[in-house]
All heavy atoms as atom14 arrays in JSON, in Angstrom:
{
  "sequence": "AEPVCVFNSCASSVTAVVQGPDNDYRRYKFGNSYRYNEG",
  "atom14_mask": [
    [1, 1, 1, 1, 1, 0, 0, 0, 0, 0, 0, 0, 0, 0],
    [1, 1, 1, 1, 1, 1, 1, 1, 1, 0, 0, 0, 0, 0],
    [1, 1, 1, 1, 1, 1, 1, 0, 0, 0, 0, 0, 0, 0],
    [1, 1, 1, 1, 1, 1, 1, 0, 0, 0, 0, 0, 0, 0],
    [1, 1, 1, 1, 1, 1, 0, 0, 0, 0, 0, 0, 0, 0],
    [1, 1, 1, 1, 1, 1, 1, 0, 0, 0, 0, 0, 0, 0],
    [1, 1, 1, 1, 1, 1, 1, 1, 1, 1, 1, 0, 0, 0],
    [1, 1, 1, 1, 1, 1, 1, 1, 0, 0, 0, 0, 0, 0],
    [1, 1, 1, 1, 1, 1, 0, 0, 0, 0, 0, 0, 0, 0],
    [1, 1, 1, 1, 1, 1, 0, 0, 0, 0, 0, 0, 0, 0],
    [1, 1, 1, 1, 1, 0, 0, 0, 0, 0, 0, 0, 0, 0],
    [1, 1, 1, 1, 1, 1, 0, 0, 0, 0, 0, 0, 0, 0],
    [1, 1, 1, 1, 1, 1, 0, 0, 0, 0, 0, 0, 0, 0],
    [1, 1, 1, 1, 1, 1, 1, 0, 0, 0, 0, 0, 0, 0],
    [1, 1, 1, 1, 1, 1, 1, 0, 0, 0, 0, 0, 0, 0],
    [1, 1, 1, 1, 1, 0, 0, 0, 0, 0, 0, 0, 0, 0],
    [1, 1, 1, 1, 1, 1, 1, 0, 0, 0, 0, 0, 0, 0],
    [1, 1, 1, 1, 1, 1, 1, 0, 0, 0, 0, 0, 0, 0],
    [1, 1, 1, 1, 1, 1, 1, 1, 1, 0, 0, 0, 0, 0],
    [1, 1, 1, 1, 0, 0, 0, 0, 0, 0, 0, 0, 0, 0],
    [1, 1, 1, 1, 1, 1, 1, 0, 0, 0, 0, 0, 0, 0],
    [1, 1, 1, 1, 1, 1, 1, 1, 0, 0, 0, 0, 0, 0],
    [1, 1, 1, 1, 1, 1, 1, 1, 0, 0, 0, 0, 0, 0],
    [1, 1, 1, 1, 1, 1, 1, 1, 0, 0, 0, 0, 0, 0],
    [1, 1, 1, 1, 1, 1, 1, 1, 1, 1, 1, 1, 0, 0],
    [1, 1, 1, 1, 1, 1, 1, 1, 1, 1, 1, 0, 0, 0],
    [1, 1, 1, 1, 1, 1, 1, 1, 1, 1, 1, 0, 0, 0],
    [1, 1, 1, 1, 1, 1, 1, 1, 1, 1, 1, 1, 0, 0],
    [1, 1, 1, 1, 1, 1, 1, 1, 1, 0, 0, 0, 0, 0],
    [1, 1, 1, 1, 1, 1, 1, 1, 1, 1, 1, 0, 0, 0],
    [1, 1, 1, 1, 0, 0, 0, 0, 0, 0, 0, 0, 0, 0],
    [1, 1, 1, 1, 1, 1, 1, 1, 0, 0, 0, 0, 0, 0],
    [1, 1, 1, 1, 1, 1, 0, 0, 0, 0, 0, 0, 0, 0],
    [1, 1, 1, 1, 1, 1, 1, 1, 1, 1, 1, 1, 0, 0],
    [1, 1, 1, 1, 1, 1, 1, 1, 1, 1, 1, 0, 0, 0],
    [1, 1, 1, 1, 1, 1, 1, 1, 1, 1, 1, 1, 0, 0],
    [1, 1, 1, 1, 1, 1, 1, 1, 0, 0, 0, 0, 0, 0],
    [1, 1, 1, 1, 1, 1, 1, 1, 1, 0, 0, 0, 0, 0],
    [1, 1, 1, 1, 0, 0, 0, 0, 0, 0, 0, 0, 0, 0]
  ],
  "atom14_positions": [
    [[22.3, 2.09, -35.77], [22.63, 3.18, -34.85], [21.42, 4.0, -34.45], [21.52, 4.87, -33.6], [23.68, 4.1, -35.49], [0.0, 0.0, 0.0], [0.0, 0.0, 0.0], [0.0, 0.0, 0.0], [0.0, 0.0, 0.0], [0.0, 0.0, 0.0], [0.0, 0.0, 0.0], [0.0, 0.0, 0.0], [0.0, 0.0, 0.0], [0.0, 0.0, 0.0]],
    [[20.26, 3.73, -35.02], [19.05, 4.47, -34.7], [18.55, 4.07, -33.31], [18.63, 2.91, -32.92], [17.96, 4.21, -35.73], [18.3, 4.68, -37.12], [18.49, 6.18, -37.18], [17.7, 6.91, -36.55], [19.43, 6.62, -37.87], [0.0, 0.0, 0.0], [0.0, 0.0, 0.0], [0.0, 0.0, 0.0], [0.0, 0.0, 0.0], [0.0, 0.0, 0.0]],
    [[18.03, 5.03, -32.53], [17.46, 4.69, -31.23], [16.24, 3.79, -31.38], [15.45, 3.97, -32.3], [17.09, 6.03, -30.62], [17.13, 7.01, -31.73], [17.95, 6.44, -32.83], [0.0, 0.0, 0.0], [0.0, 0.0, 0.0], [0.0, 0.0, 0.0], [0.0, 0.0, 0.0], [0.0, 0.0, 0.0], [0.0, 0.0, 0.0], [0.0, 0.0, 0.0]],
    [[16.09, 2.84, -30.48], [14.95, 1.94, -30.51], [13.71, 2.64, -29.97], [12.61, 2.45, -30.46], [15.25, 0.67, -29.68], [14.05, -0.24, -29.6], [16.44, -0.06, -30.27], [0.0, 0.0, 0.0], [0.0, 0.0, 0.0], [0.0, 0.0, 0.0], [0.0, 0.0, 0.0], [0.0, 0.0, 0.0], [0.0, 0.0, 0.0], [0.0, 0.0, 0.0]],
    [[13.9, 3.47, -28.97], [12.8, 4.18, -28.33], [13.05, 5.68, -28.44], [14.15, 6.15, -28.16], [12.73, 3.78, -26.86], [11.63, 4.8, -25.89], [0.0, 0.0, 0.0], [0.0, 0.0, 0.0], [0.0, 0.0, 0.0], [0.0, 0.0, 0.0], [0.0, 0.0, 0.0], [0.0, 0.0, 0.0], [0.0, 0.0, 0.0], [0.0, 0.0, 0.0]],
    [[12.04, 6.44, -28.84], [12.2, 7.89, -28.93], [11.08, 8.64, -28.2], [10.79, 9.79, -28.49], [12.3, 8.37, -30.4], [13.59, 7.9, -31.04], [11.1, 7.92, -31.2], [0.0, 0.0, 0.0], [0.0, 0.0, 0.0], [0.0, 0.0, 0.0], [0.0, 0.0, 0.0], [0.0, 0.0, 0.0], [0.0, 0.0, 0.0], [0.0, 0.0, 0.0]],
    [[10.44, 7.97, -27.23], [9.39, 8.58, -26.43], [9.56, 8.19, -24.97], [10.04, 7.08, -24.66], [8.0, 8.12, -26.9], [7.71, 8.47, -28.32], [7.81, 7.52, -29.32], [7.35, 9.76, -28.67], [7.55, 7.84, -30.63], [7.09, 10.09, -29.99], [7.19, 9.13, -30.98], [0.0, 0.0, 0.0], [0.0, 0.0, 0.0], [0.0, 0.0, 0.0]],
    [[9.16, 9.06, -24.05], [9.25, 8.74, -22.63], [8.41, 7.54, -22.24], [8.73, 6.83, -21.29], [8.84, 9.95, -21.78], [9.91, 11.02, -21.79], [11.08, 10.75, -22.03], [9.5, 12.24, -21.54], [0.0, 0.0, 0.0], [0.0, 0.0, 0.0], [0.0, 0.0, 0.0], [0.0, 0.0, 0.0], [0.0, 0.0, 0.0], [0.0, 0.0, 0.0]],
    [[7.36, 7.26, -22.99], [6.48, 6.14, -22.66], [7.17, 4.78, -22.8], [6.77, 3.82, -22.15], [5.23, 6.18, -23.52], [5.57, 6.09, -24.89], [0.0, 0.0, 0.0], [0.0, 0.0, 0.0], [0.0, 0.0, 0.0], [0.0, 0.0, 0.0], [0.0, 0.0, 0.0], [0.0, 0.0, 0.0], [0.0, 0.0, 0.0], [0.0, 0.0, 0.0]],
    [[8.2, 4.69, -23.62], [8.89, 3.41, -23.77], [10.32, 3.44, -23.22], [10.98, 2.42, -23.16], [8.92, 2.99, -25.24], [9.82, 4.11, -26.32], [0.0, 0.0, 0.0], [0.0, 0.0, 0.0], [0.0, 0.0, 0.0], [0.0, 0.0, 0.0], [0.0, 0.0, 0.0], [0.0, 0.0, 0.0], [0.0, 0.0, 0.0], [0.0, 0.0, 0.0]],
    [[10.78, 4.61, -22.82], [12.15, 4.74, -22.29], [12.25, 4.12, -20.91], [11.29, 4.11, -20.14], [12.55, 6.21, -22.24], [0.0, 0.0, 0.0], [0.0, 0.0, 0.0], [0.0, 0.0, 0.0], [0.0, 0.0, 0.0], [0.0, 0.0, 0.0], [0.0, 0.0, 0.0], [0.0, 0.0, 0.0], [0.0, 0.0, 0.0], [0.0, 0.0, 0.0]],
    [[13.42, 3.64, -20.59], [13.65, 3.07, -19.27], [14.69, 3.9, -18.53], [15.31, 4.79, -19.08], [14.08, 1.61, -19.37], [15.27, 1.51, -20.11], [0.0, 0.0, 0.0], [0.0, 0.0, 0.0], [0.0, 0.0, 0.0], [0.0, 0.0, 0.0], [0.0, 0.0, 0.0], [0.0, 0.0, 0.0], [0.0, 0.0, 0.0], [0.0, 0.0, 0.0]],
    [[14.84, 3.6, -17.23], [15.76, 4.39, -16.41], [16.33, 3.54, -15.29], [15.87, 2.43, -15.04], [15.03, 5.6, -15.81], [14.01, 5.16, -14.95], [0.0, 0.0, 0.0], [0.0, 0.0, 0.0], [0.0, 0.0, 0.0], [0.0, 0.0, 0.0], [0.0, 0.0, 0.0], [0.0, 0.0, 0.0], [0.0, 0.0, 0.0], [0.0, 0.0, 0.0]],
    [[17.34, 4.09, -14.66], [17.92, 3.5, -13.45], [17.85, 4.54, -12.35], [17.79, 5.74, -12.62], [19.38, 3.03, -13.66], [19.44, 1.89, -14.66], [20.26, 4.17, -14.12], [0.0, 0.0, 0.0], [0.0, 0.0, 0.0], [0.0, 0.0, 0.0], [0.0, 0.0, 0.0], [0.0, 0.0, 0.0], [0.0, 0.0, 0.0], [0.0, 0.0, 0.0]],
    [[17.82, 4.09, -11.12], [17.66, 4.98, -9.98], [18.81, 4.84, -9.01], [19.26, 3.73, -8.73], [16.34, 4.64, -9.24], [15.26, 4.74, -10.18], [16.09, 5.58, -8.1], [0.0, 0.0, 0.0], [0.0, 0.0, 0.0], [0.0, 0.0, 0.0], [0.0, 0.0, 0.0], [0.0, 0.0, 0.0], [0.0, 0.0, 0.0], [0.0, 0.0, 0.0]],
    [[19.28, 5.98, -8.52], [20.31, 6.02, -7.48], [19.72, 6.77, -6.29], [19.19, 7.87, -6.45], [21.56, 6.72, -7.97], [0.0, 0.0, 0.0], [0.0, 0.0, 0.0], [0.0, 0.0, 0.0], [0.0, 0.0, 0.0], [0.0, 0.0, 0.0], [0.0, 0.0, 0.0], [0.0, 0.0, 0.0], [0.0, 0.0, 0.0], [0.0, 0.0, 0.0]],
    [[19.8, 6.17, -5.11], [19.25, 6.78, -3.9], [20.4, 7.2, -3.0], [21.35, 6.45, -2.78], [18.34, 5.78, -3.15], [17.89, 6.35, -1.82], [17.14, 5.43, -4.01], [0.0, 0.0, 0.0], [0.0, 0.0, 0.0], [0.0, 0.0, 0.0], [0.0, 0.0, 0.0], [0.0, 0.0, 0.0], [0.0, 0.0, 0.0], [0.0, 0.0, 0.0]],
    [[20.3, 8.44, -2.49], [21.3, 8.96, -1.56], [20.59, 9.37, -0.28], [19.68, 10.2, -0.31], [22.04, 10.18, -2.17], [23.03, 10.76, -1.17], [22.72, 9.8, -3.46], [0.0, 0.0, 0.0], [0.0, 0.0, 0.0], [0.0, 0.0, 0.0], [0.0, 0.0, 0.0], [0.0, 0.0, 0.0], [0.0, 0.0, 0.0], [0.0, 0.0, 0.0]],
    [[20.97, 8.75, 0.82], [20.4, 9.08, 2.13], [21.48, 9.81, 2.91], [22.49, 9.24, 3.28], [20.0, 7.79, 2.87], [19.35, 8.02, 4.2], [17.92, 8.51, 4.08], [17.15, 7.99, 3.31], [17.58, 9.52, 4.86], [0.0, 0.0, 0.0], [0.0, 0.0, 0.0], [0.0, 0.0, 0.0], [0.0, 0.0, 0.0], [0.0, 0.0, 0.0]],
    [[21.26, 11.1, 3.13], [22.24, 11.92, 3.82], [21.88, 12.15, 5.28], [20.87, 11.63, 5.77], [0.0, 0.0, 0.0], [0.0, 0.0, 0.0], [0.0, 0.0, 0.0], [0.0, 0.0, 0.0], [0.0, 0.0, 0.0], [0.0, 0.0, 0.0], [0.0, 0.0, 0.0], [0.0, 0.0, 0.0], [0.0, 0.0, 0.0], [0.0, 0.0, 0.0]],
    [[22.67, 12.94, 5.97], [22.38, 13.24, 7.37], [21.15, 14.16, 7.49], [20.72, 14.77, 6.51], [23.65, 13.94, 7.85], [24.24, 14.53, 6.61], [23.88, 13.6, 5.49], [0.0, 0.0, 0.0], [0.0, 0.0, 0.0], [0.0, 0.0, 0.0], [0.0, 0.0, 0.0], [0.0, 0.0, 0.0], [0.0, 0.0, 0.0], [0.0, 0.0, 0.0]],
    [[20.61, 14.23, 8.66], [19.47, 15.13, 8.95], [18.27, 14.87, 8.06], [17.63, 15.8, 7.55], [19.9, 16.6, 8.84], [21.02, 16.95, 9.81], [21.03, 16.4, 10.92], [21.88, 17.75, 9.42], [0.0, 0.0, 0.0], [0.0, 0.0, 0.0], [0.0, 0.0, 0.0], [0.0, 0.0, 0.0], [0.0, 0.0, 0.0], [0.0, 0.0, 0.0]],
    [[17.95, 13.61, 7.82], [16.78, 13.22, 7.02], [16.8, 13.81, 5.61], [15.78, 14.24, 5.09], [15.48, 13.61, 7.72], [15.25, 12.82, 8.98], [15.61, 11.64, 9.04], [14.67, 13.43, 9.98], [0.0, 0.0, 0.0], [0.0, 0.0, 0.0], [0.0, 0.0, 0.0], [0.0, 0.0, 0.0], [0.0, 0.0, 0.0], [0.0, 0.0, 0.0]],
    [[17.95, 13.85, 5.0], [18.09, 14.33, 3.62], [18.06, 13.11, 2.7], [19.01, 12.34, 2.63], [19.4, 15.1, 3.46], [19.57, 15.66, 2.06], [18.56, 15.89, 1.38], [20.72, 15.86, 1.65], [0.0, 0.0, 0.0], [0.0, 0.0, 0.0], [0.0, 0.0, 0.0], [0.0, 0.0, 0.0], [0.0, 0.0, 0.0], [0.0, 0.0, 0.0]],
    [[16.96, 12.93, 1.99], [16.76, 11.79, 1.1], [16.64, 12.32, -0.33], [15.88, 13.25, -0.59], [15.47, 11.04, 1.47], [15.16, 9.88, 0.58], [15.64, 8.62, 0.87], [14.37, 10.04, -0.55], [15.34, 7.53, 0.05], [14.07, 8.97, -1.37], [14.56, 7.72, -1.06], [14.27, 6.67, -1.87], [0.0, 0.0, 0.0], [0.0, 0.0, 0.0]],
    [[17.41, 11.73, -1.25], [17.34, 12.11, -2.67], [17.33, 10.87, -3.54], [18.08, 9.93, -3.29], [18.51, 13.0, -3.06], [18.46, 14.33, -2.33], [19.53, 15.25, -2.74], [19.5, 16.42, -1.87], [19.92, 17.59, -2.23], [20.42, 17.78, -3.43], [19.86, 18.61, -1.4], [0.0, 0.0, 0.0], [0.0, 0.0, 0.0], [0.0, 0.0, 0.0]],
    [[16.46, 10.91, -4.55], [16.37, 9.8, -5.5], [16.62, 10.39, -6.89], [15.86, 11.24, -7.37], [14.99, 9.16, -5.41], [14.82, 7.96, -6.29], [13.56, 7.15, -6.03], [12.43, 7.94, -5.59], [11.61, 7.57, -4.59], [11.82, 6.46, -3.93], [10.58, 8.34, -4.27], [0.0, 0.0, 0.0], [0.0, 0.0, 0.0], [0.0, 0.0, 0.0]],
    [[17.7, 9.95, -7.53], [18.1, 10.43, -8.85], [17.72, 9.37, -9.88], [18.05, 8.2, -9.7], [19.61, 10.68, -8.92], [20.1, 11.74, -7.96], [20.52, 11.4, -6.67], [20.15, 13.08, -8.34], [20.97, 12.37, -5.79], [20.61, 14.05, -7.46], [21.01, 13.69, -6.2], [21.47, 14.66, -5.34], [0.0, 0.0, 0.0], [0.0, 0.0, 0.0]],
    [[17.08, 9.79, -10.97], [16.75, 8.86, -12.04], [17.51, 9.28, -13.3], [17.5, 10.45, -13.68], [15.25, 8.85, -12.32], [14.46, 8.22, -11.19], [13.0, 8.07, -11.55], [12.26, 7.46, -10.37], [10.84, 7.3, -10.65], [0.0, 0.0, 0.0], [0.0, 0.0, 0.0], [0.0, 0.0, 0.0], [0.0, 0.0, 0.0], [0.0, 0.0, 0.0]],
    [[18.15, 8.29, -13.9], [18.93, 8.5, -15.11], [18.37, 7.61, -16.22], [18.05, 6.45, -15.99], [20.41, 8.13, -14.89], [21.09, 8.99, -13.89], [21.1, 8.66, -12.55], [21.74, 10.16, -14.29], [21.74, 9.46, -11.61], [22.38, 10.97, -13.37], [22.38, 10.61, -12.02], [0.0, 0.0, 0.0], [0.0, 0.0, 0.0], [0.0, 0.0, 0.0]],
    [[18.28, 8.17, -17.42], [17.82, 7.39, -18.55], [18.85, 6.37, -18.98], [20.05, 6.58, -18.83], [0.0, 0.0, 0.0], [0.0, 0.0, 0.0], [0.0, 0.0, 0.0], [0.0, 0.0, 0.0], [0.0, 0.0, 0.0], [0.0, 0.0, 0.0], [0.0, 0.0, 0.0], [0.0, 0.0, 0.0], [0.0, 0.0, 0.0], [0.0, 0.0, 0.0]],
    [[18.38, 5.25, -19.52], [19.31, 4.25, -20.05], [18.8, 3.64, -21.35], [19.11, 2.5, -21.67], [19.63, 3.17, -19.01], [18.45, 2.31, -18.63], [17.33, 2.54, -19.06], [18.7, 1.31, -17.82], [0.0, 0.0, 0.0], [0.0, 0.0, 0.0], [0.0, 0.0, 0.0], [0.0, 0.0, 0.0], [0.0, 0.0, 0.0], [0.0, 0.0, 0.0]],
    [[18.04, 4.43, -22.11], [17.59, 3.98, -23.42], [18.57, 4.5, -24.48], [18.8, 5.7, -24.58], [16.17, 4.49, -23.72], [15.25, 3.87, -22.86], [0.0, 0.0, 0.0], [0.0, 0.0, 0.0], [0.0, 0.0, 0.0], [0.0, 0.0, 0.0], [0.0, 0.0, 0.0], [0.0, 0.0, 0.0], [0.0, 0.0, 0.0], [0.0, 0.0, 0.0]],
    [[19.1, 3.6, -25.25], [20.15, 3.87, -26.22], [19.81, 5.04, -27.13], [18.75, 5.08, -27.76], [20.4, 2.61, -27.06], [21.37, 2.79, -28.19], [22.71, 3.0, -27.93], [20.94, 2.75, -29.5], [23.62, 3.17, -28.97], [21.83, 2.9, -30.55], [23.17, 3.12, -30.27], [24.05, 3.28, -31.3], [0.0, 0.0, 0.0], [0.0, 0.0, 0.0]],
    [[20.68, 6.02, -27.17], [20.63, 7.21, -28.02], [19.37, 8.05, -27.84], [19.06, 8.88, -28.69], [20.81, 6.84, -29.49], [22.19, 6.31, -29.76], [22.52, 6.27, -31.2], [22.67, 7.65, -31.7], [22.67, 7.97, -32.97], [22.52, 7.05, -33.88], [22.8, 9.22, -33.34], [0.0, 0.0, 0.0], [0.0, 0.0, 0.0], [0.0, 0.0, 0.0]],
    [[18.62, 7.83, -26.78], [17.46, 8.68, -26.49], [17.72, 9.47, -25.21], [17.85, 10.68, -25.24], [16.18, 7.84, -26.38], [15.0, 8.66, -25.96], [14.49, 9.65, -26.78], [14.39, 8.46, -24.72], [13.42, 10.43, -26.4], [13.31, 9.24, -24.34], [12.82, 10.21, -25.17], [11.77, 10.98, -24.78], [0.0, 0.0, 0.0], [0.0, 0.0, 0.0]],
    [[17.81, 8.79, -24.09], [18.06, 9.48, -22.82], [19.21, 8.83, -22.06], [19.37, 9.04, -20.87], [16.81, 9.52, -21.96], [16.36, 8.16, -21.5], [16.97, 7.14, -21.8], [15.27, 8.12, -20.77], [0.0, 0.0, 0.0], [0.0, 0.0, 0.0], [0.0, 0.0, 0.0], [0.0, 0.0, 0.0], [0.0, 0.0, 0.0], [0.0, 0.0, 0.0]],
    [[20.02, 8.07, -22.74], [21.1, 7.3, -22.14], [22.06, 8.19, -21.35], [22.67, 9.11, -21.9], [21.86, 6.57, -23.25], [22.94, 5.65, -22.77], [23.57, 4.89, -23.92], [23.5, 5.36, -25.08], [24.15, 3.84, -23.67], [0.0, 0.0, 0.0], [0.0, 0.0, 0.0], [0.0, 0.0, 0.0], [0.0, 0.0, 0.0], [0.0, 0.0, 0.0]],
    [[22.14, 7.94, -20.03], [23.07, 8.66, -19.17], [22.6, 10.03, -18.73], [23.29, 10.71, -17.97], [0.0, 0.0, 0.0], [0.0, 0.0, 0.0], [0.0, 0.0, 0.0], [0.0, 0.0, 0.0], [0.0, 0.0, 0.0], [0.0, 0.0, 0.0], [0.0, 0.0, 0.0], [0.0, 0.0, 0.0], [0.0, 0.0, 0.0], [0.0, 0.0, 0.0]]
  ]
}
């Protein structure tokens, strides 16, 4: 149950991009390293 990674240097993430009206661009990054930054 211990996290494999406990530092940002080894943590991974996923990205969600939202392109809205009027040139509104947003890129959201979410962690996905188990028990470190997951979600």
